Protein backbone atom coordinates (compact mmCIF):
# COMPACT_ATOMS: atom_id res chain seq x y z
CA MET A 1 88.29 68.59 76.13
CA ARG A 2 91.49 68.00 77.80
CA GLU A 3 91.33 68.11 81.31
CA SER A 4 93.99 69.69 82.87
CA LYS A 5 95.92 68.53 85.69
CA PRO A 6 95.43 70.11 89.27
CA LYS A 7 97.85 72.74 90.41
CA LYS A 8 100.22 72.20 93.46
CA CYS A 9 101.04 74.07 96.40
CA MET A 10 104.40 76.61 95.58
CA MET A 11 105.76 75.75 98.97
CA PRO A 12 108.53 73.51 98.99
CA SER A 13 107.91 69.95 100.19
CA CYS A 14 104.21 70.71 100.04
CA ASP A 15 102.07 68.40 97.50
CA LYS A 16 98.58 69.43 98.29
CA GLU A 17 96.44 70.91 95.83
CA THR A 18 95.35 74.56 95.60
CA PHE A 19 91.87 75.31 96.22
CA ASP A 20 91.40 77.60 93.08
CA LYS A 21 92.86 77.72 89.71
CA LYS A 22 94.45 81.18 90.55
CA ALA A 23 95.96 80.40 93.92
CA PHE A 24 99.57 80.14 94.24
CA PHE A 25 99.19 78.07 97.75
CA CYS A 26 96.93 75.57 99.64
CA ARG A 27 94.70 76.70 102.28
CA GLU A 28 97.10 76.12 104.97
CA HIS A 29 100.14 77.85 103.41
CA THR A 30 97.71 80.68 102.21
CA ARG A 31 96.79 81.33 105.94
CA VAL A 32 100.48 81.56 106.77
CA PHE A 33 101.05 83.73 104.12
CA GLU A 34 98.23 86.05 104.68
CA SER A 35 99.26 86.37 108.66
CA PHE A 36 102.67 87.18 107.53
CA VAL A 37 101.67 90.05 105.21
CA SER A 38 99.22 91.70 107.68
CA THR A 39 101.99 91.63 110.26
CA ALA A 40 104.50 93.18 107.95
CA LYS A 41 101.94 95.98 107.36
CA LYS A 42 101.68 96.70 110.88
CA VAL A 43 105.24 96.81 111.29
CA ALA A 44 105.71 99.14 108.29
CA GLU A 45 102.81 101.72 109.68
CA VAL A 46 104.70 101.78 113.06
CA GLY A 47 108.31 101.18 112.39
CA VAL A 48 108.80 103.61 109.06
CA PRO A 49 107.76 106.80 111.26
CA ALA A 50 109.23 105.65 114.38
CA ALA A 51 112.87 105.07 112.18
CA ALA A 52 112.48 108.43 110.63
CA GLY A 53 111.90 110.21 114.02
CA ALA A 54 114.72 108.29 115.48
CA ALA A 55 116.76 109.62 112.54
CA LEU A 56 115.79 113.26 112.94
CA PHE A 57 116.44 112.54 116.90
CA VAL A 58 120.08 111.50 116.20
CA ALA A 59 120.69 114.27 113.67
CA LYS A 60 119.83 116.94 116.04
CA VAL A 61 121.97 115.24 118.45
CA ILE A 62 124.80 115.08 116.84
CA GLY A 63 124.10 118.55 115.01
CA GLY A 64 123.97 120.02 118.53
CA LYS A 65 127.32 118.42 120.19
CA LYS A 66 129.29 120.04 116.93
CA LYS A 67 128.81 123.60 118.25
């Protein structure tokens, strides 16, 4: 059998090996990526309804001034 060469982390300038065959990043960059994703989810949960509420408020204020 042919031995496959180890997979490298996909972050630029990182030459570390991945911890799993299916992983794209080394452990360090996996933690950074997961932290970024969890923060983005929190912002989306709070930000989207807040933006929709703000848009409705602005539309109501602009609509009220026209009369």
